Amino acid sequence: MNYPLAQRTAVITGATAGIGRAIAVELGRLGAFVVANGRRQAMLTELSAELGGAGSVACVVGDCCDDAVITRVMDVGRYALGNPAHEADIVVVNAGRGLAGSAITSDMSQWEEMVRTNIIGAAKLIRVAGERMLAEMEAERLAGGGVFGETSKPRDIVVLGSTVGRHISPFSSMYGATKFAVNSLAEASRRELGPKGIRVTLIEPGFVESEFQGVAGYKPEWFAEVKGRIGPVLKPEDVARTIGFIVQQPAHVHVSDVLIRPTRQDYP
C-alpha cells in the first residue's frame, strides 16, 4: 500500500473532534506519524486507538495556548520517528473556538478566551514551529554546504482560518474578527517563511457541520435553516482531504490559500 506521507511527522492541535480529528485521521491514513493535541484525554485515547496506537500516533493533552504544552507537542514531534531526531514537518494550527453574535449581541465574557485561543495560541504555535524548522534547515546547510532555503524536503505550517475571516459576517462578527487576524497572520508568515523554504498555507472553510456550532452557541434552529437553504454543508473530512492533498505536493509547489465552501453556499 502506498503511504505518501511516510517518514513525515504531523502535529495537530484541537484534534479531539471536528476538523482537527478528521485531519489527524486523514494524515495518519496517508502514513504520517501523528502528534495529536487537545484538552479531552478520553477523546485523544479514542483517536489513538483508531490510528493504531503508540506506533503511529502520540497524544499530548493540554491547552494549546500554554507555552509548556506547545513545547511538549513539538518535542514529541521531534523524536516521533526515533534517531536521528528531526522536527515535525507538518504543523496544523487548528485549535480554535467560535462565538455566536456580533460586537453588540455576543457574550462579552467569552471574548478574551476566544481571542486567546484563536489568535494568541495560533501565533505562538506558528512562531515555535517556524523557529524550529528554520533552525533545522540552517543545521542541514552547515552540515551539507548547501544554500539556506533550498531543500528537497517539504515543510508545512497549515493554518485554519474561515470564510468569515475574508467576508464580513454580521451574525458572527466577533469570531470573524479573530479569523481576520488569523488570515492576516498566515499570509504574513507565508511571505516571511516561504522564501526560506517553509510553506505556510491558509485554509478558509465555509459551513462545516461539527460540534463547533453547539460550542459556539449558535441556535439549532438557525443552523437547521442554513443547512436547508445551502446544504449539503461540508463535513470535517472534506477539509481534511484538502489538507492531505496540499501537504503531498513536492517541496517546490505551494498551495498557499484555499477557500472551501459547500457548493450552494452563497455567503459568506
C-alpha atoms as a PDB file:
ATOM      1  CA  MET A   1       0.000   0.000   0.000  1.00  0.00           C
ATOM      2  CA  ASN A   2       1.245   3.480  -0.860  1.00  0.00           C
ATOM      3  CA  TYR A   3       1.836   5.843   2.068  1.00  0.00           C
ATOM      4  CA  PRO A   4       2.794   9.208   0.556  1.00  0.00           C
ATOM      5  CA  LEU A   5       3.432  10.834   3.957  1.00  0.00           C
ATOM      6  CA  ALA A   6       5.608   8.051   5.355  1.00  0.00           C
ATOM      7  CA  GLN A   7       8.638   9.496   7.187  1.00  0.00           C
ATOM      8  CA  ARG A   8       6.776  12.727   7.888  1.00  0.00           C
ATOM      9  CA  THR A   9       5.507  13.854  11.294  1.00  0.00           C
ATOM     10  CA  ALA A  10       2.324  15.894  11.699  1.00  0.00           C
ATOM     11  CA  VAL A  11       1.480  17.948  14.791  1.00  0.00           C
ATOM     12  CA  ILE A  12      -2.225  18.824  15.003  1.00  0.00           C
ATOM     13  CA  THR A  13      -3.840  20.986  17.677  1.00  0.00           C
ATOM     14  CA  GLY A  14      -7.521  20.745  18.507  1.00  0.00           C
ATOM     15  CA  ALA A  15      -7.519  17.126  17.383  1.00  0.00           C
ATOM     16  CA  THR A  16     -10.189  15.750  19.701  1.00  0.00           C
ATOM     17  CA  ALA A  17     -13.178  16.456  17.459  1.00  0.00           C
ATOM     18  CA  GLY A  18     -14.442  18.018  14.266  1.00  0.00           C
ATOM     19  CA  ILE A  19     -11.970  19.216  11.655  1.00  0.00           C
ATOM     20  CA  GLY A  20      -8.909  18.566  13.817  1.00  0.00           C
ATOM     21  CA  ARG A  21      -9.814  14.941  14.423  1.00  0.00           C
ATOM     22  CA  ALA A  22     -10.572  14.423  10.737  1.00  0.00           C
ATOM     23  CA  ILE A  23      -7.166  15.900   9.810  1.00  0.00           C
ATOM     24  CA  ALA A  24      -5.427  13.545  12.226  1.00  0.00           C
ATOM     25  CA  VAL A  25      -7.204  10.545  10.726  1.00  0.00           C
ATOM     26  CA  GLU A  26      -6.509  11.645   7.148  1.00  0.00           C
ATOM     27  CA  LEU A  27      -2.804  12.352   7.653  1.00  0.00           C
ATOM     28  CA  GLY A  28      -2.440   9.112   9.599  1.00  0.00           C
ATOM     29  CA  ARG A  29      -4.131   7.248   6.750  1.00  0.00           C
ATOM     30  CA  LEU A  30      -1.566   8.776   4.385  1.00  0.00           C
ATOM     31  CA  GLY A  31       1.276   7.424   6.509  1.00  0.00           C
ATOM     32  CA  ALA A  32       2.321  10.342   8.708  1.00  0.00           C
ATOM     33  CA  PHE A  33       3.200   9.880  12.352  1.00  0.00           C
ATOM     34  CA  VAL A  34       0.532  11.967  14.101  1.00  0.00           C
ATOM     35  CA  VAL A  35       1.054  14.006  17.258  1.00  0.00           C
ATOM     36  CA  ALA A  36      -2.462  14.946  18.377  1.00  0.00           C
ATOM     37  CA  ASN A  37      -3.176  17.673  20.910  1.00  0.00           C
ATOM     38  CA  GLY A  38      -6.415  18.533  22.664  1.00  0.00           C
ATOM     39  CA  ARG A  39      -7.928  19.163  26.065  1.00  0.00           C
ATOM     40  CA  ARG A  40     -10.004  15.967  26.360  1.00  0.00           C
ATOM     41  CA  GLN A  41      -7.949  12.910  27.252  1.00  0.00           C
ATOM     42  CA  ALA A  42     -10.744  10.410  26.625  1.00  0.00           C
ATOM     43  CA  MET A  43     -11.223  11.599  23.059  1.00  0.00           C
ATOM     44  CA  LEU A  44      -7.479  11.555  22.407  1.00  0.00           C
ATOM     45  CA  THR A  45      -7.406   7.964  23.662  1.00  0.00           C
ATOM     46  CA  GLU A  46     -10.169   7.038  21.214  1.00  0.00           C
ATOM     47  CA  LEU A  47      -8.271   8.736  18.379  1.00  0.00           C
ATOM     48  CA  SER A  48      -5.082   6.890  19.289  1.00  0.00           C
ATOM     49  CA  ALA A  49      -6.917   3.564  19.166  1.00  0.00           C
ATOM     50  CA  GLU A  50      -8.352   4.391  15.745  1.00  0.00           C
ATOM     51  CA  LEU A  51      -4.959   5.371  14.346  1.00  0.00           C
ATOM     52  CA  GLY A  52      -3.241   2.252  15.594  1.00  0.00           C
ATOM     53  CA  GLY A  53      -1.766   3.084  18.959  1.00  0.00           C
ATOM     54  CA  ALA A  54       1.704   4.110  20.033  1.00  0.00           C
ATOM     55  CA  GLY A  55       3.453   3.006  16.840  1.00  0.00           C
ATOM     56  CA  SER A  56       1.872   5.673  14.675  1.00  0.00           C
ATOM     57  CA  VAL A  57       0.377   8.278  16.990  1.00  0.00           C
ATOM     58  CA  ALA A  58       1.235  10.176  20.159  1.00  0.00           C
ATOM     59  CA  CYS A  59      -1.234  12.246  22.139  1.00  0.00           C
ATOM     60  CA  VAL A  60      -0.499  15.333  24.227  1.00  0.00           C
ATOM     61  CA  VAL A  61      -3.343  16.580  26.377  1.00  0.00           C
ATOM     62  CA  GLY A  62      -3.429  20.250  27.329  1.00  0.00           C
ATOM     63  CA  ASP A  63      -4.264  23.821  26.402  1.00  0.00           C
ATOM     64  CA  CYS A  64      -2.810  24.747  23.009  1.00  0.00           C
ATOM     65  CA  CYS A  65      -2.125  28.288  24.259  1.00  0.00           C
ATOM     66  CA  ASP A  66       0.093  27.108  27.102  1.00  0.00           C
ATOM     67  CA  ASP A  67       3.798  27.532  26.350  1.00  0.00           C
ATOM     68  CA  ALA A  68       4.712  24.277  28.090  1.00  0.00           C
ATOM     69  CA  VAL A  69       2.117  22.341  26.099  1.00  0.00           C
ATOM     70  CA  ILE A  70       3.342  23.804  22.808  1.00  0.00           C
ATOM     71  CA  THR A  71       6.906  22.847  23.718  1.00  0.00           C
ATOM     72  CA  ARG A  72       5.797  19.351  24.693  1.00  0.00           C
ATOM     73  CA  VAL A  73       3.849  18.840  21.457  1.00  0.00           C
ATOM     74  CA  MET A  74       6.787  19.950  19.333  1.00  0.00           C
ATOM     75  CA  ASP A  75       9.279  17.908  21.363  1.00  0.00           C
ATOM     76  CA  VAL A  76       7.171  14.775  20.914  1.00  0.00           C
ATOM     77  CA  GLY A  77       7.087  15.514  17.204  1.00  0.00           C
ATOM     78  CA  ARG A  78      10.859  15.908  17.108  1.00  0.00           C
ATOM     79  CA  TYR A  79      11.507  12.415  18.407  1.00  0.00           C
ATOM     80  CA  ALA A  80       8.466  10.656  16.938  1.00  0.00           C
ATOM     81  CA  LEU A  81      10.401   8.728  14.305  1.00  0.00           C
ATOM     82  CA  GLY A  82      13.416   7.972  16.502  1.00  0.00           C
ATOM     83  CA  ASN A  83      17.023   8.818  15.839  1.00  0.00           C
ATOM     84  CA  PRO A  84      18.294  10.834  14.180  1.00  0.00           C
ATOM     85  CA  ALA A  85      15.703  13.227  15.562  1.00  0.00           C
ATOM     86  CA  HIS A  86      14.068  15.759  13.278  1.00  0.00           C
ATOM     87  CA  GLU A  87      11.440  18.415  13.772  1.00  0.00           C
ATOM     88  CA  ALA A  88       7.822  17.817  12.837  1.00  0.00           C
ATOM     89  CA  ASP A  89       7.491  18.851   9.197  1.00  0.00           C
ATOM     90  CA  ILE A  90       3.701  19.247   9.144  1.00  0.00           C
ATOM     91  CA  VAL A  91       2.223  21.534  11.798  1.00  0.00           C
ATOM     92  CA  VAL A  92      -1.532  22.117  11.615  1.00  0.00           C
ATOM     93  CA  VAL A  93      -2.670  25.170  13.580  1.00  0.00           C
ATOM     94  CA  ASN A  94      -6.256  24.053  14.012  1.00  0.00           C
ATOM     95  CA  ALA A  95      -7.360  24.648  17.618  1.00  0.00           C
ATOM     96  CA  GLY A  96      -9.921  27.412  17.891  1.00  0.00           C
ATOM     97  CA  ARG A  97     -13.402  28.210  19.045  1.00  0.00           C
ATOM     98  CA  GLY A  98     -16.389  30.101  17.745  1.00  0.00           C
ATOM     99  CA  LEU A  99     -18.854  32.521  19.260  1.00  0.00           C
ATOM    100  CA  ALA A 100     -22.318  33.370  18.036  1.00  0.00           C
ATOM    101  CA  GLY A 101     -23.240  37.008  17.729  1.00  0.00           C
ATOM    102  CA  SER A 102     -21.760  40.397  16.982  1.00  0.00           C
ATOM    103  CA  ALA A 103     -19.942  43.050  18.982  1.00  0.00           C
ATOM    104  CA  ILE A 104     -23.407  44.130  20.094  1.00  0.00           C
ATOM    105  CA  THR A 105     -25.058  40.783  20.785  1.00  0.00           C
ATOM    106  CA  SER A 106     -22.339  38.233  21.653  1.00  0.00           C
ATOM    107  CA  ASP A 107     -21.393  37.160  25.172  1.00  0.00           C
ATOM    108  CA  MET A 108     -18.667  39.590  26.278  1.00  0.00           C
ATOM    109  CA  SER A 109     -17.490  37.212  28.997  1.00  0.00           C
ATOM    110  CA  GLN A 110     -16.188  34.884  26.278  1.00  0.00           C
ATOM    111  CA  TRP A 111     -14.285  37.436  24.197  1.00  0.00           C
ATOM    112  CA  GLU A 112     -10.914  37.200  25.904  1.00  0.00           C
ATOM    113  CA  GLU A 113     -10.816  33.403  25.901  1.00  0.00           C
ATOM    114  CA  MET A 114     -11.706  33.311  22.192  1.00  0.00           C
ATOM    115  CA  VAL A 115      -9.016  35.881  21.339  1.00  0.00           C
ATOM    116  CA  ARG A 116      -6.507  33.942  23.437  1.00  0.00           C
ATOM    117  CA  THR A 117      -7.277  30.653  21.704  1.00  0.00           C
ATOM    118  CA  ASN A 118      -7.844  31.816  18.152  1.00  0.00           C
ATOM    119  CA  ILE A 119      -5.103  34.434  17.849  1.00  0.00           C
ATOM    120  CA  ILE A 120      -2.524  34.154  20.628  1.00  0.00           C
ATOM    121  CA  GLY A 121      -2.441  30.350  20.588  1.00  0.00           C
ATOM    122  CA  ALA A 122      -2.179  30.286  16.795  1.00  0.00           C
ATOM    123  CA  ALA A 123       0.598  32.893  16.761  1.00  0.00           C
ATOM    124  CA  LYS A 124       2.581  31.041  19.408  1.00  0.00           C
ATOM    125  CA  LEU A 125       2.477  27.758  17.529  1.00  0.00           C
ATOM    126  CA  ILE A 126       3.376  29.398  14.207  1.00  0.00           C
ATOM    127  CA  ARG A 127       6.338  31.069  15.907  1.00  0.00           C
ATOM    128  CA  VAL A 128       7.654  27.930  17.603  1.00  0.00           C
ATOM    129  CA  ALA A 129       7.142  25.757  14.517  1.00  0.00           C
ATOM    130  CA  GLY A 130       8.799  28.352  12.275  1.00  0.00           C
ATOM    131  CA  GLU A 131      11.765  28.819  14.600  1.00  0.00           C
ATOM    132  CA  ARG A 132      12.382  25.088  14.869  1.00  0.00           C
ATOM    133  CA  MET A 133      12.074  24.459  11.147  1.00  0.00           C
ATOM    134  CA  LEU A 134      14.457  27.331  10.363  1.00  0.00           C
ATOM    135  CA  ALA A 135      16.998  26.094  12.894  1.00  0.00           C
ATOM    136  CA  GLU A 136      16.877  22.596  11.431  1.00  0.00           C
ATOM    137  CA  MET A 137      17.328  23.938   7.907  1.00  0.00           C
ATOM    138  CA  GLU A 138      20.334  26.015   8.998  1.00  0.00           C
ATOM    139  CA  ALA A 139      21.892  22.954  10.629  1.00  0.00           C
ATOM    140  CA  GLU A 140      21.366  20.997   7.405  1.00  0.00           C
ATOM    141  CA  ARG A 141      23.003  23.791   5.413  1.00  0.00           C
ATOM    142  CA  LEU A 142      26.033  23.826   7.680  1.00  0.00           C
ATOM    143  CA  ALA A 143      26.334  20.053   7.546  1.00  0.00           C
ATOM    144  CA  GLY A 144      25.953  19.754   3.806  1.00  0.00           C
ATOM    145  CA  GLY A 145      27.246  23.043   2.495  1.00  0.00           C
ATOM    146  CA  GLY A 146      24.054  23.807   0.598  1.00  0.00           C
ATOM    147  CA  VAL A 147      22.199  27.074   0.224  1.00  0.00           C
ATOM    148  CA  PHE A 148      19.793  28.002   3.017  1.00  0.00           C
ATOM    149  CA  GLY A 149      16.199  27.591   1.869  1.00  0.00           C
ATOM    150  CA  GLU A 150      16.997  25.110  -0.882  1.00  0.00           C
ATOM    151  CA  THR A 151      15.589  21.766   0.191  1.00  0.00           C
ATOM    152  CA  SER A 152      14.032  18.699  -1.323  1.00  0.00           C
ATOM    153  CA  LYS A 153      12.045  18.142   1.877  1.00  0.00           C
ATOM    154  CA  PRO A 154       8.600  19.759   2.232  1.00  0.00           C
ATOM    155  CA  ARG A 155       7.913  21.634   5.441  1.00  0.00           C
ATOM    156  CA  ASP A 156       4.346  22.762   6.048  1.00  0.00           C
ATOM    157  CA  ILE A 157       2.548  25.002   8.515  1.00  0.00           C
ATOM    158  CA  VAL A 158      -1.180  24.789   7.812  1.00  0.00           C
ATOM    159  CA  VAL A 159      -3.429  27.378   9.463  1.00  0.00           C
ATOM    160  CA  LEU A 160      -7.203  27.010   9.815  1.00  0.00           C
ATOM    161  CA  GLY A 161      -8.943  30.278   9.049  1.00  0.00           C
ATOM    162  CA  SER A 162     -12.529  30.793   7.900  1.00  0.00           C
ATOM    163  CA  THR A 163     -14.609  32.349   5.164  1.00  0.00           C
ATOM    164  CA  VAL A 164     -15.720  34.875   7.802  1.00  0.00           C
ATOM    165  CA  GLY A 165     -12.080  35.907   8.058  1.00  0.00           C
ATOM    166  CA  ARG A 166     -12.350  37.164   4.481  1.00  0.00           C
ATOM    167  CA  HIS A 167     -16.007  38.196   4.180  1.00  0.00           C
ATOM    168  CA  ILE A 168     -17.540  40.294   6.967  1.00  0.00           C
ATOM    169  CA  SER A 169     -20.413  38.497   8.648  1.00  0.00           C
ATOM    170  CA  PRO A 170     -22.739  40.437  10.987  1.00  0.00           C
ATOM    171  CA  PHE A 171     -24.087  37.284  12.663  1.00  0.00           C
ATOM    172  CA  SER A 172     -20.645  36.231  13.971  1.00  0.00           C
ATOM    173  CA  SER A 173     -18.561  39.373  13.802  1.00  0.00           C
ATOM    174  CA  MET A 174     -16.538  38.813  16.995  1.00  0.00           C
ATOM    175  CA  TYR A 175     -15.488  35.337  15.859  1.00  0.00           C
ATOM    176  CA  GLY A 176     -14.947  36.701  12.373  1.00  0.00           C
ATOM    177  CA  ALA A 177     -12.654  39.412  13.726  1.00  0.00           C
ATOM    178  CA  THR A 178     -10.373  36.762  15.210  1.00  0.00           C
ATOM    179  CA  LYS A 179     -10.310  34.929  11.899  1.00  0.00           C
ATOM    180  CA  PHE A 180      -9.464  38.134  10.021  1.00  0.00           C
ATOM    181  CA  ALA A 181      -6.438  38.284  12.341  1.00  0.00           C
ATOM    182  CA  VAL A 182      -5.582  34.618  11.722  1.00  0.00           C
ATOM    183  CA  ASN A 183      -5.890  35.028   7.953  1.00  0.00           C
ATOM    184  CA  SER A 184      -3.569  38.042   8.057  1.00  0.00           C
ATOM    185  CA  LEU A 185      -1.119  36.233  10.324  1.00  0.00           C
ATOM    186  CA  ALA A 186      -0.979  33.244   7.982  1.00  0.00           C
ATOM    187  CA  GLU A 187      -0.330  35.343   4.888  1.00  0.00           C
ATOM    188  CA  ALA A 188       2.297  37.451   6.652  1.00  0.00           C
ATOM    189  CA  SER A 189       4.009  34.272   7.839  1.00  0.00           C
ATOM    190  CA  ARG A 190       3.897  32.882   4.302  1.00  0.00           C
ATOM    191  CA  ARG A 191       5.666  35.966   2.988  1.00  0.00           C
ATOM    192  CA  GLU A 192       8.299  35.687   5.716  1.00  0.00           C
ATOM    193  CA  LEU A 193       8.882  31.920   5.705  1.00  0.00           C
ATOM    194  CA  GLY A 194       8.075  30.934   2.121  1.00  0.00           C
ATOM    195  CA  PRO A 195      11.280  32.453   0.656  1.00  0.00           C
ATOM    196  CA  LYS A 196      13.210  30.423   3.245  1.00  0.00           C
ATOM    197  CA  GLY A 197      11.650  27.147   2.150  1.00  0.00           C
ATOM    198  CA  ILE A 198       8.714  26.724   4.559  1.00  0.00           C
ATOM    199  CA  ARG A 199       5.202  26.552   3.140  1.00  0.00           C
ATOM    200  CA  VAL A 200       2.510  28.353   5.145  1.00  0.00           C
ATOM    201  CA  THR A 201      -0.978  27.507   3.933  1.00  0.00           C
ATOM    202  CA  LEU A 202      -4.267  29.131   4.924  1.00  0.00           C
ATOM    203  CA  ILE A 203      -7.453  27.045   4.766  1.00  0.00           C
ATOM    204  CA  GLU A 204     -10.710  29.018   4.840  1.00  0.00           C
ATOM    205  CA  PRO A 205     -13.700  26.698   5.278  1.00  0.00           C
ATOM    206  CA  GLY A 206     -17.283  27.753   4.863  1.00  0.00           C
ATOM    207  CA  PHE A 207     -20.084  25.967   6.709  1.00  0.00           C
ATOM    208  CA  VAL A 208     -18.790  22.721   8.203  1.00  0.00           C
ATOM    209  CA  GLU A 209     -21.125  20.665  10.373  1.00  0.00           C
ATOM    210  CA  SER A 210     -19.465  19.563  13.619  1.00  0.00           C
ATOM    211  CA  GLU A 211     -19.719  20.174  17.353  1.00  0.00           C
ATOM    212  CA  PHE A 212     -18.425  23.698  16.580  1.00  0.00           C
ATOM    213  CA  GLN A 213     -21.935  25.112  16.199  1.00  0.00           C
ATOM    214  CA  GLY A 214     -23.103  23.902  19.597  1.00  0.00           C
ATOM    215  CA  VAL A 215     -19.981  25.013  21.445  1.00  0.00           C
ATOM    216  CA  ALA A 216     -20.142  28.435  19.779  1.00  0.00           C
ATOM    217  CA  GLY A 217     -23.735  28.919  20.895  1.00  0.00           C
ATOM    218  CA  TYR A 218     -25.467  29.007  17.535  1.00  0.00           C
ATOM    219  CA  LYS A 219     -29.150  28.165  17.869  1.00  0.00           C
ATOM    220  CA  PRO A 220     -30.018  24.731  16.417  1.00  0.00           C
ATOM    221  CA  GLU A 221     -32.985  26.158  14.516  1.00  0.00           C
ATOM    222  CA  TRP A 222     -30.718  28.747  12.878  1.00  0.00           C
ATOM    223  CA  PHE A 223     -28.241  26.152  11.705  1.00  0.00           C
ATOM    224  CA  ALA A 224     -31.069  23.893  10.525  1.00  0.00           C
ATOM    225  CA  GLU A 225     -32.351  26.778   8.392  1.00  0.00           C
ATOM    226  CA  VAL A 226     -28.866  27.331   6.960  1.00  0.00           C
ATOM    227  CA  LYS A 227     -28.484  23.643   6.121  1.00  0.00           C
ATOM    228  CA  GLY A 228     -31.870  23.597   4.461  1.00  0.00           C
ATOM    229  CA  ARG A 229     -31.002  26.618   2.358  1.00  0.00           C
ATOM    230  CA  ILE A 230     -27.424  25.840   1.255  1.00  0.00           C
ATOM    231  CA  GLY A 231     -26.927  22.161   2.077  1.00  0.00           C
ATOM    232  CA  PRO A 232     -25.436  19.716   1.930  1.00  0.00           C
ATOM    233  CA  VAL A 233     -22.809  21.530   4.001  1.00  0.00           C
ATOM    234  CA  LEU A 234     -19.201  20.456   4.350  1.00  0.00           C
ATOM    235  CA  LYS A 235     -18.059  17.620   6.576  1.00  0.00           C
ATOM    236  CA  PRO A 236     -14.779  17.758   8.532  1.00  0.00           C
ATOM    237  CA  GLU A 237     -13.448  15.045   6.212  1.00  0.00           C
ATOM    238  CA  ASP A 238     -13.816  17.391   3.241  1.00  0.00           C
ATOM    239  CA  VAL A 239     -11.431  19.885   4.822  1.00  0.00           C
ATOM    240  CA  ALA A 240      -9.056  17.132   5.938  1.00  0.00           C
ATOM    241  CA  ARG A 241      -8.900  15.654   2.442  1.00  0.00           C
ATOM    242  CA  THR A 242      -7.957  19.070   1.063  1.00  0.00           C
ATOM    243  CA  ILE A 243      -5.111  19.386   3.553  1.00  0.00           C
ATOM    244  CA  GLY A 244      -3.936  15.882   2.698  1.00  0.00           C
ATOM    245  CA  PHE A 245      -3.632  16.962  -0.933  1.00  0.00           C
ATOM    246  CA  ILE A 246      -1.746  20.143  -0.060  1.00  0.00           C
ATOM    247  CA  VAL A 247       0.962  18.567   2.083  1.00  0.00           C
ATOM    248  CA  GLN A 248       1.629  15.844  -0.504  1.00  0.00           C
ATOM    249  CA  GLN A 249       2.876  18.367  -3.061  1.00  0.00           C
ATOM    250  CA  PRO A 250       6.589  18.431  -3.978  1.00  0.00           C
ATOM    251  CA  ALA A 251       8.685  20.842  -1.934  1.00  0.00           C
ATOM    252  CA  HIS A 252       8.777  23.454  -4.714  1.00  0.00           C
ATOM    253  CA  VAL A 253       4.954  23.550  -5.063  1.00  0.00           C
ATOM    254  CA  HIS A 254       2.953  25.626  -2.592  1.00  0.00           C
ATOM    255  CA  VAL A 255      -0.846  25.678  -2.432  1.00  0.00           C
ATOM    256  CA  SER A 256      -0.894  28.773  -0.272  1.00  0.00           C
ATOM    257  CA  ASP A 257      -4.563  29.666   0.198  1.00  0.00           C
ATOM    258  CA  VAL A 258      -7.687  27.537  -0.175  1.00  0.00           C
ATOM    259  CA  LEU A 259     -11.231  28.794   0.386  1.00  0.00           C
ATOM    260  CA  ILE A 260     -13.549  25.784   0.502  1.00  0.00           C
ATOM    261  CA  ARG A 261     -17.332  26.134   0.635  1.00  0.00           C
ATOM    262  CA  PRO A 262     -20.383  23.946   0.180  1.00  0.00           C
ATOM    263  CA  THR A 263     -21.368  24.234  -3.471  1.00  0.00           C
ATOM    264  CA  ARG A 264     -24.635  26.021  -2.654  1.00  0.00           C
ATOM    265  CA  GLN A 265     -23.205  28.435  -0.075  1.00  0.00           C
ATOM    266  CA  ASP A 266     -23.570  31.939  -1.466  1.00  0.00           C
ATOM    267  CA  TYR A 267     -22.440  33.960   1.564  1.00  0.00           C
ATOM    268  CA  PRO A 268     -20.175  34.419   3.441  1.00  0.00           C
END
